[in-house]
Amino acid sequence: MKKIDYCKKIRYKKTLQFLKEHIPTSKKILDLGTPNEFSEIMKKAGYNVKNTNGENLDIDFKVASDSDADVITAFEIFEHMLAPFNLLNSVKNKKLIASVPLKLWFANAYWNEKDDWDKHYHEFEPKQFEYLLNRSNWIIKKSEKWKSYDPKKIGIRPILRRLHNRYYIVYCEKMQLS
């Protein structure tokens, strides 16, 4: 297995801790996105995880709405979607854990010029993400924010990253519509 960089290691540790706090390993998880380092970490922690297969979730969001999983997870996925509302609104599952990178005033949104799948269309402020979830009928039950920085790096941006939260994670439950 390749070496995981310091910031990812911290993010994975915090994400797994949050997941364990809210979801027992007996629950079946649909993790949005193709298999990745973190889905492997979840499996090693005892979770029954199935990933999506690389579908364009802006168009083919039925993979999530038709899922029989107990929980949907979406770790750093919604910023890559043009319209995450459609998927979030269509999900019938009762539980969701999702994390997003937060917008930082001193850094532009991530934008890989060479790869159309590797762009951030959104980097959310907490209130924007909360509004998106609320409008798609999710109630946030618990949330956390954290900073992400490498203590070995020096410079203005590394200093600013020590001061500003970079990630926002939420545990939500679907509202019962009457």
N, C-alpha and C. Protein backbone atom coordinates (compact mmCIF):
# COMPACT_ATOMS: atom_id res chain seq x y z
N MET A 1 0.84 -1.19 0.00
CA MET A 1 0.00 0.00 0.00
C MET A 1 0.88 1.25 0.00
N LYS A 2 0.50 2.23 -0.81
CA LYS A 2 1.32 3.44 -0.87
C LYS A 2 1.19 4.26 0.42
N LYS A 3 2.19 5.08 0.66
CA LYS A 3 2.22 5.89 1.87
C LYS A 3 1.17 7.01 1.77
N ILE A 4 0.42 7.19 2.85
CA ILE A 4 -0.61 8.23 2.90
C ILE A 4 0.01 9.49 3.49
N ASP A 5 -0.21 10.65 2.82
CA ASP A 5 0.40 11.88 3.32
C ASP A 5 -0.21 12.29 4.66
N TYR A 6 0.49 13.14 5.37
CA TYR A 6 0.16 13.52 6.74
C TYR A 6 -1.27 14.06 6.86
N CYS A 7 -1.66 14.99 5.98
CA CYS A 7 -2.98 15.60 6.07
C CYS A 7 -4.09 14.58 5.81
N LYS A 8 -3.90 13.70 4.84
CA LYS A 8 -4.88 12.65 4.57
C LYS A 8 -5.00 11.72 5.77
N LYS A 9 -3.89 11.38 6.35
CA LYS A 9 -3.88 10.47 7.50
C LYS A 9 -4.74 11.05 8.63
N ILE A 10 -4.58 12.34 8.90
CA ILE A 10 -5.37 13.01 9.94
C ILE A 10 -6.84 13.03 9.55
N ARG A 11 -7.12 13.36 8.29
CA ARG A 11 -8.51 13.41 7.81
C ARG A 11 -9.15 12.03 7.92
N TYR A 12 -8.46 10.99 7.51
CA TYR A 12 -9.00 9.64 7.58
C TYR A 12 -9.26 9.23 9.03
N LYS A 13 -8.35 9.58 9.93
CA LYS A 13 -8.51 9.24 11.34
C LYS A 13 -9.76 9.92 11.92
N LYS A 14 -9.91 11.21 11.63
CA LYS A 14 -11.06 11.95 12.15
C LYS A 14 -12.37 11.45 11.53
N THR A 15 -12.34 11.15 10.25
CA THR A 15 -13.54 10.66 9.56
C THR A 15 -13.96 9.30 10.11
N LEU A 16 -13.02 8.40 10.29
CA LEU A 16 -13.33 7.07 10.83
C LEU A 16 -13.87 7.18 12.26
N GLN A 17 -13.28 8.05 13.05
CA GLN A 17 -13.74 8.26 14.43
C GLN A 17 -15.20 8.75 14.42
N PHE A 18 -15.52 9.69 13.53
CA PHE A 18 -16.87 10.23 13.42
C PHE A 18 -17.84 9.14 12.97
N LEU A 19 -17.44 8.34 11.99
CA LEU A 19 -18.26 7.24 11.49
C LEU A 19 -18.55 6.25 12.61
N LYS A 20 -17.52 5.86 13.35
CA LYS A 20 -17.70 4.89 14.44
C LYS A 20 -18.63 5.43 15.53
N GLU A 21 -18.61 6.73 15.73
CA GLU A 21 -19.45 7.36 16.75
C GLU A 21 -20.94 7.25 16.40
N HIS A 22 -21.25 7.18 15.10
CA HIS A 22 -22.65 7.25 14.69
C HIS A 22 -23.20 6.00 14.00
N ILE A 23 -22.32 5.17 13.46
CA ILE A 23 -22.79 4.03 12.67
C ILE A 23 -22.12 2.75 13.17
N PRO A 24 -22.92 1.77 13.63
CA PRO A 24 -22.32 0.49 14.03
C PRO A 24 -21.82 -0.28 12.80
N THR A 25 -20.85 -1.14 13.00
CA THR A 25 -20.28 -1.90 11.89
C THR A 25 -21.28 -2.89 11.30
N SER A 26 -22.37 -3.16 11.98
CA SER A 26 -23.38 -4.09 11.46
C SER A 26 -24.20 -3.48 10.32
N LYS A 27 -24.13 -2.17 10.14
CA LYS A 27 -24.91 -1.49 9.11
C LYS A 27 -24.22 -1.58 7.75
N LYS A 28 -25.04 -1.73 6.71
CA LYS A 28 -24.54 -1.80 5.33
C LYS A 28 -24.39 -0.37 4.79
N ILE A 29 -23.22 -0.07 4.19
CA ILE A 29 -22.91 1.29 3.72
C ILE A 29 -22.78 1.31 2.20
N LEU A 30 -23.40 2.30 1.58
CA LEU A 30 -23.10 2.64 0.19
C LEU A 30 -22.26 3.90 0.24
N ASP A 31 -21.00 3.77 -0.16
CA ASP A 31 -20.07 4.90 -0.18
C ASP A 31 -20.05 5.47 -1.59
N LEU A 32 -20.48 6.72 -1.73
CA LEU A 32 -20.51 7.35 -3.04
C LEU A 32 -19.08 7.59 -3.52
N GLY A 33 -18.82 7.18 -4.73
CA GLY A 33 -17.48 7.29 -5.31
C GLY A 33 -16.90 5.90 -5.51
N THR A 34 -15.93 5.83 -6.36
CA THR A 34 -15.28 4.56 -6.66
C THR A 34 -14.47 4.10 -5.45
N PRO A 35 -14.13 2.80 -5.40
CA PRO A 35 -13.30 2.32 -4.29
C PRO A 35 -12.04 3.18 -4.14
N ASN A 36 -11.68 3.46 -2.90
CA ASN A 36 -10.58 4.37 -2.63
C ASN A 36 -9.90 4.00 -1.32
N GLU A 37 -8.86 4.74 -0.96
CA GLU A 37 -8.12 4.46 0.27
C GLU A 37 -9.04 4.42 1.48
N PHE A 38 -9.98 5.38 1.56
CA PHE A 38 -10.81 5.43 2.76
C PHE A 38 -11.85 4.32 2.78
N SER A 39 -12.39 3.92 1.64
CA SER A 39 -13.34 2.80 1.66
C SER A 39 -12.64 1.53 2.13
N GLU A 40 -11.36 1.39 1.79
CA GLU A 40 -10.58 0.25 2.29
C GLU A 40 -10.36 0.34 3.80
N ILE A 41 -10.14 1.53 4.29
CA ILE A 41 -9.99 1.73 5.74
C ILE A 41 -11.28 1.36 6.46
N MET A 42 -12.43 1.75 5.89
CA MET A 42 -13.71 1.39 6.50
C MET A 42 -13.88 -0.13 6.55
N LYS A 43 -13.53 -0.81 5.46
CA LYS A 43 -13.65 -2.27 5.43
C LYS A 43 -12.75 -2.91 6.48
N LYS A 44 -11.52 -2.41 6.61
CA LYS A 44 -10.60 -2.95 7.61
C LYS A 44 -11.12 -2.72 9.03
N ALA A 45 -11.94 -1.66 9.20
CA ALA A 45 -12.53 -1.37 10.51
C ALA A 45 -13.77 -2.21 10.77
N GLY A 46 -14.14 -3.08 9.82
CA GLY A 46 -15.26 -3.98 10.02
C GLY A 46 -16.56 -3.59 9.34
N TYR A 47 -16.56 -2.50 8.57
CA TYR A 47 -17.78 -2.06 7.89
C TYR A 47 -18.00 -2.85 6.60
N ASN A 48 -19.27 -3.07 6.29
CA ASN A 48 -19.70 -3.69 5.04
C ASN A 48 -19.94 -2.55 4.05
N VAL A 49 -18.98 -2.31 3.17
CA VAL A 49 -18.99 -1.14 2.30
C VAL A 49 -19.08 -1.56 0.84
N LYS A 50 -20.00 -0.93 0.13
CA LYS A 50 -20.08 -1.06 -1.32
C LYS A 50 -19.90 0.34 -1.90
N ASN A 51 -19.11 0.47 -2.94
CA ASN A 51 -18.92 1.76 -3.59
C ASN A 51 -19.74 1.83 -4.87
N THR A 52 -19.95 3.06 -5.32
CA THR A 52 -20.54 3.24 -6.65
C THR A 52 -19.44 2.91 -7.67
N ASN A 53 -19.82 2.84 -8.94
CA ASN A 53 -18.91 2.34 -9.97
C ASN A 53 -18.36 3.40 -10.91
N GLY A 54 -18.34 4.64 -10.49
CA GLY A 54 -17.82 5.70 -11.36
C GLY A 54 -18.89 6.36 -12.19
N GLU A 55 -20.15 6.10 -11.86
CA GLU A 55 -21.25 6.76 -12.58
C GLU A 55 -21.13 8.28 -12.41
N ASN A 56 -21.67 9.01 -13.35
CA ASN A 56 -21.79 10.45 -13.19
C ASN A 56 -22.99 10.67 -12.28
N LEU A 57 -22.74 10.96 -11.02
CA LEU A 57 -23.82 11.04 -10.03
C LEU A 57 -24.72 12.25 -10.22
N ASP A 58 -24.32 13.21 -11.04
CA ASP A 58 -25.23 14.30 -11.38
C ASP A 58 -26.35 13.81 -12.29
N ILE A 59 -26.07 12.82 -13.10
CA ILE A 59 -27.04 12.30 -14.07
C ILE A 59 -27.64 10.99 -13.60
N ASP A 60 -26.79 10.08 -13.15
CA ASP A 60 -27.21 8.73 -12.77
C ASP A 60 -27.24 8.61 -11.25
N PHE A 61 -28.12 9.37 -10.60
CA PHE A 61 -28.17 9.35 -9.14
C PHE A 61 -29.07 8.25 -8.60
N LYS A 62 -29.68 7.47 -9.48
CA LYS A 62 -30.52 6.35 -9.03
C LYS A 62 -29.71 5.29 -8.30
N VAL A 63 -28.41 5.21 -8.59
CA VAL A 63 -27.56 4.24 -7.89
C VAL A 63 -27.65 4.47 -6.37
N ALA A 64 -27.84 5.72 -5.97
CA ALA A 64 -27.99 6.04 -4.56
C ALA A 64 -29.45 5.95 -4.12
N SER A 65 -30.37 6.44 -4.95
CA SER A 65 -31.78 6.44 -4.53
C SER A 65 -32.37 5.03 -4.51
N ASP A 66 -31.82 4.10 -5.28
CA ASP A 66 -32.32 2.72 -5.29
C ASP A 66 -31.57 1.80 -4.34
N SER A 67 -30.62 2.33 -3.60
CA SER A 67 -29.78 1.50 -2.74
C SER A 67 -30.55 0.95 -1.55
N ASP A 68 -30.23 -0.29 -1.18
CA ASP A 68 -30.82 -0.89 0.02
C ASP A 68 -29.88 -0.78 1.22
N ALA A 69 -28.84 0.01 1.09
CA ALA A 69 -27.89 0.20 2.19
C ALA A 69 -28.59 0.89 3.36
N ASP A 70 -28.06 0.66 4.55
CA ASP A 70 -28.59 1.33 5.75
C ASP A 70 -28.13 2.78 5.82
N VAL A 71 -26.96 3.04 5.26
CA VAL A 71 -26.32 4.35 5.37
C VAL A 71 -25.69 4.71 4.03
N ILE A 72 -25.79 5.97 3.67
CA ILE A 72 -25.06 6.51 2.53
C ILE A 72 -23.91 7.33 3.10
N THR A 73 -22.70 7.12 2.58
CA THR A 73 -21.58 7.99 2.95
C THR A 73 -21.09 8.70 1.70
N ALA A 74 -20.64 9.91 1.90
CA ALA A 74 -20.12 10.73 0.80
C ALA A 74 -18.98 11.58 1.37
N PHE A 75 -17.77 11.09 1.21
CA PHE A 75 -16.61 11.79 1.76
C PHE A 75 -15.89 12.52 0.64
N GLU A 76 -15.99 13.84 0.68
CA GLU A 76 -15.40 14.71 -0.34
C GLU A 76 -15.88 14.31 -1.74
N ILE A 77 -17.20 14.25 -1.91
CA ILE A 77 -17.82 13.91 -3.19
C ILE A 77 -18.64 15.08 -3.72
N PHE A 78 -19.42 15.74 -2.86
CA PHE A 78 -20.37 16.74 -3.34
C PHE A 78 -19.72 17.95 -4.00
N GLU A 79 -18.49 18.26 -3.64
CA GLU A 79 -17.82 19.39 -4.28
C GLU A 79 -17.48 19.09 -5.74
N HIS A 80 -17.46 17.80 -6.12
CA HIS A 80 -17.17 17.40 -7.49
C HIS A 80 -18.42 17.33 -8.36
N MET A 81 -19.58 17.50 -7.75
CA MET A 81 -20.84 17.42 -8.50
C MET A 81 -21.34 18.81 -8.87
N LEU A 82 -21.94 18.91 -10.05
CA LEU A 82 -22.53 20.18 -10.45
C LEU A 82 -23.79 20.47 -9.64
N ALA A 83 -24.59 19.43 -9.37
CA ALA A 83 -25.88 19.62 -8.70
C ALA A 83 -26.12 18.53 -7.66
N PRO A 84 -25.45 18.59 -6.53
CA PRO A 84 -25.63 17.55 -5.51
C PRO A 84 -27.04 17.49 -4.94
N PHE A 85 -27.82 18.56 -5.10
CA PHE A 85 -29.20 18.56 -4.58
C PHE A 85 -30.01 17.39 -5.13
N ASN A 86 -29.90 17.13 -6.43
CA ASN A 86 -30.71 16.08 -7.06
C ASN A 86 -30.47 14.72 -6.41
N LEU A 87 -29.23 14.38 -6.20
CA LEU A 87 -28.90 13.11 -5.56
C LEU A 87 -29.39 13.11 -4.11
N LEU A 88 -29.05 14.14 -3.37
CA LEU A 88 -29.44 14.20 -1.95
C LEU A 88 -30.95 14.14 -1.77
N ASN A 89 -31.68 14.80 -2.63
CA ASN A 89 -33.13 14.83 -2.54
C ASN A 89 -33.75 13.47 -2.88
N SER A 90 -33.12 12.71 -3.75
CA SER A 90 -33.69 11.45 -4.21
C SER A 90 -33.39 10.27 -3.29
N VAL A 91 -32.41 10.40 -2.41
CA VAL A 91 -32.01 9.29 -1.54
C VAL A 91 -33.15 8.93 -0.59
N LYS A 92 -33.45 7.63 -0.53
CA LYS A 92 -34.52 7.16 0.35
C LYS A 92 -33.97 6.60 1.67
N ASN A 93 -32.69 6.37 1.73
CA ASN A 93 -32.07 5.86 2.96
C ASN A 93 -32.29 6.87 4.07
N LYS A 94 -32.23 6.39 5.28
CA LYS A 94 -32.55 7.24 6.44
C LYS A 94 -31.35 7.92 7.06
N LYS A 95 -30.14 7.47 6.72
CA LYS A 95 -28.95 8.02 7.37
C LYS A 95 -27.91 8.40 6.32
N LEU A 96 -27.21 9.49 6.60
CA LEU A 96 -26.17 10.00 5.71
C LEU A 96 -25.02 10.55 6.55
N ILE A 97 -23.82 10.17 6.17
CA ILE A 97 -22.63 10.84 6.72
C ILE A 97 -21.88 11.39 5.52
N ALA A 98 -21.61 12.68 5.56
CA ALA A 98 -20.95 13.33 4.43
C ALA A 98 -19.95 14.35 4.94
N SER A 99 -18.88 14.50 4.18
CA SER A 99 -17.90 15.55 4.50
C SER A 99 -17.58 16.31 3.23
N VAL A 100 -17.24 17.57 3.42
CA VAL A 100 -16.87 18.45 2.31
C VAL A 100 -15.68 19.31 2.73
N PRO A 101 -14.87 19.71 1.74
CA PRO A 101 -13.85 20.70 2.06
C PRO A 101 -14.52 22.06 2.18
N LEU A 102 -14.06 22.85 3.11
CA LEU A 102 -14.62 24.19 3.29
C LEU A 102 -13.89 25.20 2.41
N LYS A 103 -14.64 26.20 2.01
CA LYS A 103 -14.08 27.29 1.22
C LYS A 103 -13.10 28.08 2.10
N LEU A 104 -11.92 28.31 1.57
CA LEU A 104 -10.92 29.11 2.28
C LEU A 104 -10.70 30.41 1.52
N TRP A 105 -10.78 31.51 2.21
CA TRP A 105 -10.68 32.80 1.55
C TRP A 105 -9.31 33.03 0.92
N PHE A 106 -8.30 32.35 1.38
CA PHE A 106 -6.94 32.57 0.88
C PHE A 106 -6.51 31.55 -0.17
N ALA A 107 -7.42 30.68 -0.60
CA ALA A 107 -7.06 29.67 -1.60
C ALA A 107 -8.19 29.51 -2.61
N ASN A 108 -7.83 29.42 -3.87
CA ASN A 108 -8.83 29.18 -4.91
C ASN A 108 -9.34 27.75 -4.81
N ALA A 109 -10.55 27.54 -5.34
CA ALA A 109 -11.10 26.18 -5.40
C ALA A 109 -10.16 25.30 -6.23
N TYR A 110 -10.05 24.05 -5.84
CA TYR A 110 -9.19 23.10 -6.54
C TYR A 110 -9.73 22.87 -7.95
N TRP A 111 -8.85 22.94 -8.95
CA TRP A 111 -9.28 22.84 -10.33
C TRP A 111 -8.19 22.19 -11.16
N ASN A 112 -8.30 20.89 -11.40
CA ASN A 112 -7.33 20.17 -12.21
C ASN A 112 -7.65 20.39 -13.68
N GLU A 113 -6.77 21.10 -14.38
CA GLU A 113 -7.00 21.45 -15.79
C GLU A 113 -6.99 20.23 -16.70
N LYS A 114 -6.31 19.17 -16.31
CA LYS A 114 -6.13 18.01 -17.18
C LYS A 114 -7.19 16.93 -17.00
N ASP A 115 -7.95 16.96 -15.92
CA ASP A 115 -8.88 15.88 -15.61
C ASP A 115 -10.24 16.45 -15.24
N ASP A 116 -11.24 16.23 -16.10
CA ASP A 116 -12.59 16.77 -15.85
C ASP A 116 -13.24 16.22 -14.58
N TRP A 117 -12.83 15.03 -14.12
CA TRP A 117 -13.41 14.45 -12.93
C TRP A 117 -12.74 14.99 -11.66
N ASP A 118 -11.66 15.70 -11.81
CA ASP A 118 -10.88 16.15 -10.65
C ASP A 118 -10.94 17.67 -10.52
N LYS A 119 -12.16 18.17 -10.32
CA LYS A 119 -12.39 19.60 -10.14
C LYS A 119 -13.35 19.81 -8.98
N HIS A 120 -13.22 20.92 -8.30
CA HIS A 120 -14.19 21.29 -7.27
C HIS A 120 -15.11 22.36 -7.83
N TYR A 121 -16.35 21.98 -8.10
CA TYR A 121 -17.34 22.94 -8.56
C TYR A 121 -17.87 23.75 -7.39
N HIS A 122 -17.76 23.17 -6.21
CA HIS A 122 -18.20 23.85 -4.98
C HIS A 122 -17.14 23.63 -3.92
N GLU A 123 -16.82 24.64 -3.19
CA GLU A 123 -16.16 24.50 -1.89
C GLU A 123 -17.06 25.30 -0.97
N PHE A 124 -17.68 24.59 -0.07
CA PHE A 124 -18.80 25.12 0.70
C PHE A 124 -18.36 25.94 1.90
N GLU A 125 -19.20 26.92 2.24
CA GLU A 125 -19.21 27.49 3.57
C GLU A 125 -20.16 26.60 4.36
N PRO A 126 -19.97 26.47 5.66
CA PRO A 126 -20.88 25.60 6.42
C PRO A 126 -22.35 25.91 6.18
N LYS A 127 -22.72 27.18 6.17
CA LYS A 127 -24.14 27.53 6.00
C LYS A 127 -24.67 27.09 4.64
N GLN A 128 -23.83 27.10 3.60
CA GLN A 128 -24.27 26.64 2.28
C GLN A 128 -24.54 25.14 2.30
N PHE A 129 -23.64 24.37 2.90
CA PHE A 129 -23.81 22.93 2.95
C PHE A 129 -25.03 22.58 3.80
N GLU A 130 -25.20 23.26 4.92
CA GLU A 130 -26.36 23.03 5.78
C GLU A 130 -27.66 23.33 5.05
N TYR A 131 -27.67 24.40 4.27
CA TYR A 131 -28.86 24.77 3.51
C TYR A 131 -29.17 23.71 2.44
N LEU A 132 -28.14 23.25 1.74
CA LEU A 132 -28.30 22.19 0.74
C LEU A 132 -28.92 20.94 1.38
N LEU A 133 -28.40 20.54 2.52
CA LEU A 133 -28.93 19.37 3.21
C LEU A 133 -30.37 19.59 3.65
N ASN A 134 -30.64 20.74 4.24
CA ASN A 134 -31.99 21.04 4.70
C ASN A 134 -32.99 21.06 3.55
N ARG A 135 -32.64 21.69 2.44
CA ARG A 135 -33.53 21.77 1.28
C ARG A 135 -33.78 20.41 0.64
N SER A 136 -32.88 19.46 0.86
CA SER A 136 -33.06 18.12 0.31
C SER A 136 -33.56 17.15 1.40
N ASN A 137 -34.16 17.73 2.45
CA ASN A 137 -34.88 16.98 3.50
C ASN A 137 -33.99 16.18 4.44
N TRP A 138 -32.82 16.68 4.75
CA TRP A 138 -31.94 16.05 5.73
C TRP A 138 -31.86 16.94 6.97
N ILE A 139 -31.86 16.30 8.13
CA ILE A 139 -31.69 17.02 9.39
C ILE A 139 -30.30 16.66 9.93
N ILE A 140 -29.49 17.67 10.18
CA ILE A 140 -28.16 17.43 10.73
C ILE A 140 -28.30 17.13 12.22
N LYS A 141 -27.82 15.96 12.61
CA LYS A 141 -27.88 15.54 14.01
C LYS A 141 -26.57 15.84 14.74
N LYS A 142 -25.47 15.80 14.01
CA LYS A 142 -24.16 16.07 14.61
C LYS A 142 -23.23 16.55 13.50
N SER A 143 -22.36 17.46 13.84
CA SER A 143 -21.39 17.95 12.86
C SER A 143 -20.08 18.28 13.56
N GLU A 144 -19.02 18.30 12.77
CA GLU A 144 -17.69 18.67 13.25
C GLU A 144 -16.94 19.38 12.14
N LYS A 145 -16.04 20.25 12.53
CA LYS A 145 -15.11 20.90 11.59
C LYS A 145 -13.71 20.65 12.10
N TRP A 146 -12.77 20.62 11.20
CA TRP A 146 -11.38 20.51 11.64
C TRP A 146 -10.44 21.15 10.65
N LYS A 147 -9.27 21.44 11.19
CA LYS A 147 -8.20 22.05 10.41
C LYS A 147 -7.37 20.96 9.75
N SER A 148 -6.68 21.31 8.68
CA SER A 148 -5.82 20.36 8.00
C SER A 148 -4.54 21.08 7.59
N TYR A 149 -3.46 20.66 8.20
CA TYR A 149 -2.18 21.28 7.87
C TYR A 149 -1.06 20.31 8.18
N ASP A 150 0.02 20.51 7.50
CA ASP A 150 1.22 19.71 7.75
C ASP A 150 2.15 20.55 8.61
N PRO A 151 2.43 20.14 9.84
CA PRO A 151 3.25 20.96 10.73
C PRO A 151 4.69 21.16 10.23
N LYS A 152 5.11 20.36 9.26
CA LYS A 152 6.47 20.50 8.74
C LYS A 152 6.58 21.58 7.67
N LYS A 153 5.43 22.01 7.12
CA LYS A 153 5.46 23.02 6.06
C LYS A 153 5.48 24.41 6.68
N ILE A 154 6.21 25.31 6.02
CA ILE A 154 6.30 26.69 6.49
C ILE A 154 5.82 27.62 5.38
N GLY A 155 5.44 28.83 5.77
CA GLY A 155 4.97 29.81 4.81
C GLY A 155 3.64 30.39 5.25
N ILE A 156 3.14 31.33 4.46
CA ILE A 156 1.89 32.02 4.79
C ILE A 156 0.70 31.06 4.75
N ARG A 157 0.54 30.31 3.66
CA ARG A 157 -0.59 29.39 3.57
C ARG A 157 -0.57 28.33 4.67
N PRO A 158 0.56 27.67 4.92
CA PRO A 158 0.57 26.70 6.03
C PRO A 158 0.18 27.32 7.38
N ILE A 159 0.58 28.57 7.61
CA ILE A 159 0.19 29.25 8.85
C ILE A 159 -1.32 29.49 8.86
N LEU A 160 -1.86 29.97 7.74
CA LEU A 160 -3.30 30.22 7.66
C LEU A 160 -4.10 28.92 7.81
N ARG A 161 -3.57 27.80 7.29
CA ARG A 161 -4.26 26.51 7.41
C ARG A 161 -4.32 26.05 8.87
N ARG A 162 -3.42 26.52 9.70
CA ARG A 162 -3.47 26.20 11.13
C ARG A 162 -4.58 26.95 11.84
N LEU A 163 -5.05 28.03 11.23
CA LEU A 163 -6.04 28.90 11.86
C LEU A 163 -7.46 28.66 11.38
N HIS A 164 -7.62 28.08 10.17
CA HIS A 164 -8.94 27.97 9.56
C HIS A 164 -9.34 26.52 9.36
N ASN A 165 -10.59 26.21 9.72
CA ASN A 165 -11.11 24.87 9.48
C ASN A 165 -11.14 24.58 7.99
N ARG A 166 -10.78 23.35 7.62
CA ARG A 166 -10.72 22.95 6.22
C ARG A 166 -11.81 21.95 5.85
N TYR A 167 -12.24 21.11 6.81
CA TYR A 167 -13.23 20.08 6.51
C TYR A 167 -14.42 20.19 7.44
N TYR A 168 -15.57 19.79 6.89
CA TYR A 168 -16.83 19.81 7.62
C TYR A 168 -17.49 18.46 7.39
N ILE A 169 -17.83 17.75 8.47
CA ILE A 169 -18.47 16.45 8.37
C ILE A 169 -19.78 16.49 9.14
N VAL A 170 -20.79 15.81 8.60
CA VAL A 170 -22.12 15.81 9.22
C VAL A 170 -22.69 14.40 9.26
N TYR A 171 -23.46 14.14 10.31
CA TYR A 171 -24.31 12.96 10.39
C TYR A 171 -25.73 13.48 10.28
N CYS A 172 -26.48 12.95 9.30
CA CYS A 172 -27.85 13.43 9.05
C CYS A 172 -28.83 12.28 9.03
N GLU A 173 -30.07 12.63 9.28
CA GLU A 173 -31.17 11.68 9.12
C GLU A 173 -32.21 12.32 8.22
N LYS A 174 -32.82 11.49 7.39
CA LYS A 174 -33.82 11.96 6.42
C LYS A 174 -35.09 12.35 7.15
N MET A 175 -35.64 13.51 6.80
CA MET A 175 -36.91 13.97 7.38
C MET A 175 -38.03 13.08 6.90
N GLN A 176 -38.97 12.82 7.77
CA GLN A 176 -40.17 12.08 7.38
C GLN A 176 -41.15 13.08 6.76
N LEU A 177 -41.43 12.90 5.49
CA LEU A 177 -42.37 13.79 4.82
C LEU A 177 -43.78 13.22 4.93
N SER A 178 -44.72 14.09 5.27
CA SER A 178 -46.10 13.60 5.41
C SER A 178 -46.92 13.84 4.17
